[in-house]
Amino acid sequence: MRLRILAIGNKMPAWVESGVAEYAARMPPQCRVEWRALPMAKRGRSGDPIRWRREEGERIRTATPAGSEKVALEVGGKVLSSEALAQRMDVWFLGGRDVTFWIGGPDGLDPELQADWQWSLSALTMAHPVVRVVLAEQLYRAWSIQAGLPYHRGAEE
């Protein structure tokens, strides 16, 4: 199974790249995590966030492999506990289907994108670089729960 993250914005601070790489390296070979940064739409002074979202949405749509389950990270999406995410990950493993996560740009995701489901990491508004690190950690945490590793238990004590 492959977990693919498509994220708008490709100039992340070193701490983001380091955090994402750390958790991706911890994942087992049978659950590879691939990160792909897609360029933001060029923003000008006149500002047209609808056009920018549409352009970024097209980049996401084009980069999303056919047949993968599509998960949009949205503040209004379903809130999952780490345990519930681990259960969902188990379903993904059993189904053998790759999963593609979408992280929008500063103006959010294009509402025309058709995700299989929407997931909210938190009701809090987070900077997009923070979302990347939180997502990477939660995917590792869910896998560690599923695998019965002590990582999750140790974090709760």
Protein backbone atom coordinates (compact mmCIF):
# COMPACT_ATOMS: atom_id res chain seq x y z
CA MET A 1 0.00 0.00 0.00
CA ARG A 2 1.16 3.48 -0.77
CA LEU A 3 0.11 6.63 1.07
CA ARG A 4 0.62 9.61 -1.20
CA ILE A 5 0.39 13.18 0.03
CA LEU A 6 -0.14 15.93 -2.53
CA ALA A 7 0.46 19.31 -0.94
CA ILE A 8 0.23 22.74 -2.52
CA GLY A 9 3.35 24.79 -1.82
CA ASN A 10 6.93 23.71 -2.35
CA LYS A 11 9.08 26.04 -0.29
CA MET A 12 8.87 24.57 3.19
CA PRO A 13 11.16 25.46 6.08
CA ALA A 14 13.87 22.93 6.98
CA TRP A 15 12.05 21.91 10.18
CA VAL A 16 9.03 20.81 8.10
CA GLU A 17 11.14 18.80 5.66
CA SER A 18 13.00 17.22 8.59
CA GLY A 19 9.83 16.33 10.49
CA VAL A 20 8.11 14.84 7.46
CA ALA A 21 11.25 12.87 6.50
CA GLU A 22 11.61 11.52 10.05
CA TYR A 23 8.12 10.00 10.15
CA ALA A 24 8.21 8.81 6.53
CA ALA A 25 11.47 6.94 7.27
CA ARG A 26 9.82 5.15 10.21
CA MET A 27 7.09 3.65 8.02
CA PRO A 28 7.59 0.04 6.90
CA PRO A 29 8.22 -0.82 3.24
CA GLN A 30 4.71 -2.29 2.88
CA CYS A 31 3.24 1.11 3.79
CA ARG A 32 5.30 3.62 1.87
CA VAL A 33 4.61 7.32 2.27
CA GLU A 34 5.33 9.58 -0.68
CA TRP A 35 5.22 13.36 -0.47
CA ARG A 36 4.78 15.50 -3.53
CA ALA A 37 4.78 19.28 -3.33
CA LEU A 38 2.82 21.01 -6.08
CA PRO A 39 3.40 24.66 -6.97
CA MET A 40 0.99 27.27 -5.71
CA ALA A 41 -0.87 29.35 -8.25
CA LYS A 42 0.89 32.62 -8.92
CA ARG A 43 -0.70 35.23 -6.72
CA GLY A 44 -0.89 38.86 -7.74
CA ARG A 45 -1.99 42.07 -6.11
CA SER A 46 -5.47 41.96 -7.61
CA GLY A 47 -6.20 38.68 -5.85
CA ASP A 48 -8.55 36.04 -7.16
CA PRO A 49 -8.65 33.18 -4.64
CA ILE A 50 -11.32 31.32 -6.63
CA ARG A 51 -9.05 31.20 -9.68
CA TRP A 52 -6.05 30.24 -7.53
CA ARG A 53 -7.96 27.37 -5.88
CA ARG A 54 -9.21 26.20 -9.28
CA GLU A 55 -5.68 26.20 -10.72
CA GLU A 56 -4.26 24.38 -7.68
CA GLY A 57 -7.19 21.95 -7.77
CA GLU A 58 -6.34 21.06 -11.35
CA ARG A 59 -2.75 20.35 -10.32
CA ILE A 60 -4.00 18.07 -7.55
CA ARG A 61 -6.48 16.34 -9.86
CA THR A 62 -3.78 15.70 -12.47
CA ALA A 63 -1.31 14.35 -9.88
CA THR A 64 -3.84 12.00 -8.23
CA PRO A 65 -3.42 8.44 -9.51
CA ALA A 66 -6.53 6.75 -10.86
CA GLY A 67 -8.01 4.22 -8.48
CA SER A 68 -6.58 5.64 -5.27
CA GLU A 69 -8.83 6.60 -2.39
CA LYS A 70 -8.88 10.40 -2.20
CA VAL A 71 -8.81 12.10 1.19
CA ALA A 72 -9.18 15.89 1.42
CA LEU A 73 -7.75 17.50 4.54
CA GLU A 74 -10.42 20.03 5.43
CA VAL A 75 -11.27 21.78 8.69
CA GLY A 76 -14.93 20.80 8.16
CA GLY A 77 -14.11 17.13 7.58
CA LYS A 78 -14.60 14.16 9.87
CA VAL A 79 -12.57 14.25 13.08
CA LEU A 80 -10.89 10.91 13.82
CA SER A 81 -9.09 9.67 16.89
CA SER A 82 -5.71 8.05 16.29
CA GLU A 83 -7.34 4.67 16.98
CA ALA A 84 -10.07 5.33 14.39
CA LEU A 85 -7.41 6.32 11.86
CA ALA A 86 -5.58 3.06 12.62
CA GLN A 87 -8.82 1.15 11.93
CA ARG A 88 -9.25 3.00 8.64
CA MET A 89 -5.63 2.23 7.76
CA ASP A 90 -6.36 -1.45 8.41
CA VAL A 91 -9.25 -1.26 5.91
CA TRP A 92 -6.89 0.32 3.38
CA PHE A 93 -4.37 -2.50 3.90
CA LEU A 94 -7.05 -5.16 3.47
CA GLY A 95 -8.43 -3.46 0.38
CA GLY A 96 -5.01 -3.07 -1.19
CA ARG A 97 -5.92 0.37 -2.45
CA ASP A 98 -3.47 3.27 -2.42
CA VAL A 99 -4.57 6.44 -0.64
CA THR A 100 -3.94 10.01 -1.77
CA PHE A 101 -4.23 12.86 0.74
CA TRP A 102 -4.81 16.40 -0.48
CA ILE A 103 -3.48 19.46 1.33
CA GLY A 104 -4.61 22.73 -0.24
CA GLY A 105 -2.81 26.03 -0.46
CA PRO A 106 -3.33 29.15 1.65
CA ASP A 107 -6.81 29.62 0.17
CA GLY A 108 -7.89 26.01 0.76
CA LEU A 109 -8.89 23.27 -1.65
CA ASP A 110 -10.91 23.76 -4.80
CA PRO A 111 -14.52 22.84 -3.89
CA GLU A 112 -14.79 21.10 -7.29
CA LEU A 113 -12.33 18.39 -6.20
CA GLN A 114 -14.20 15.16 -5.55
CA ALA A 115 -12.74 13.42 -2.49
CA ASP A 116 -13.92 10.05 -1.22
CA TRP A 117 -14.00 11.59 2.24
CA GLN A 118 -12.85 14.67 4.12
CA TRP A 119 -10.70 14.49 7.23
CA SER A 120 -10.12 17.24 9.76
CA LEU A 121 -6.91 17.04 11.76
CA SER A 122 -8.32 19.57 14.22
CA ALA A 123 -10.92 22.28 14.61
CA LEU A 124 -7.96 24.62 15.03
CA THR A 125 -6.69 26.53 12.02
CA MET A 126 -3.12 25.39 11.34
CA ALA A 127 -0.45 26.81 9.09
CA HIS A 128 0.03 24.50 6.13
CA PRO A 129 3.62 23.61 7.08
CA VAL A 130 2.35 22.45 10.49
CA VAL A 131 -0.36 20.35 8.80
CA ARG A 132 2.34 18.43 6.95
CA VAL A 133 4.19 17.49 10.13
CA VAL A 134 0.99 16.64 12.02
CA LEU A 135 -0.22 14.46 9.15
CA ALA A 136 3.13 12.64 8.92
CA GLU A 137 3.12 11.96 12.67
CA GLN A 138 -0.52 10.81 12.71
CA LEU A 139 0.03 8.39 9.83
CA TYR A 140 2.99 6.90 11.68
CA ARG A 141 1.01 6.80 14.93
CA ALA A 142 -1.91 5.02 13.21
CA TRP A 143 0.45 2.48 11.68
CA SER A 144 2.16 1.92 15.06
CA ILE A 145 -1.24 1.30 16.70
CA GLN A 146 -2.16 -1.15 13.97
CA ALA A 147 1.22 -2.90 14.31
CA GLY A 148 0.99 -3.04 18.13
CA LEU A 149 4.12 -0.96 18.65
CA PRO A 150 4.69 0.91 21.91
CA TYR A 151 5.02 4.34 20.24
CA HIS A 152 1.36 5.22 20.74
CA ARG A 153 1.11 3.83 24.27
CA GLY A 154 4.30 5.62 25.34
CA ALA A 155 3.00 8.96 24.09
CA GLU A 156 -0.08 8.68 26.30
CA GLU A 157 1.71 7.96 29.56
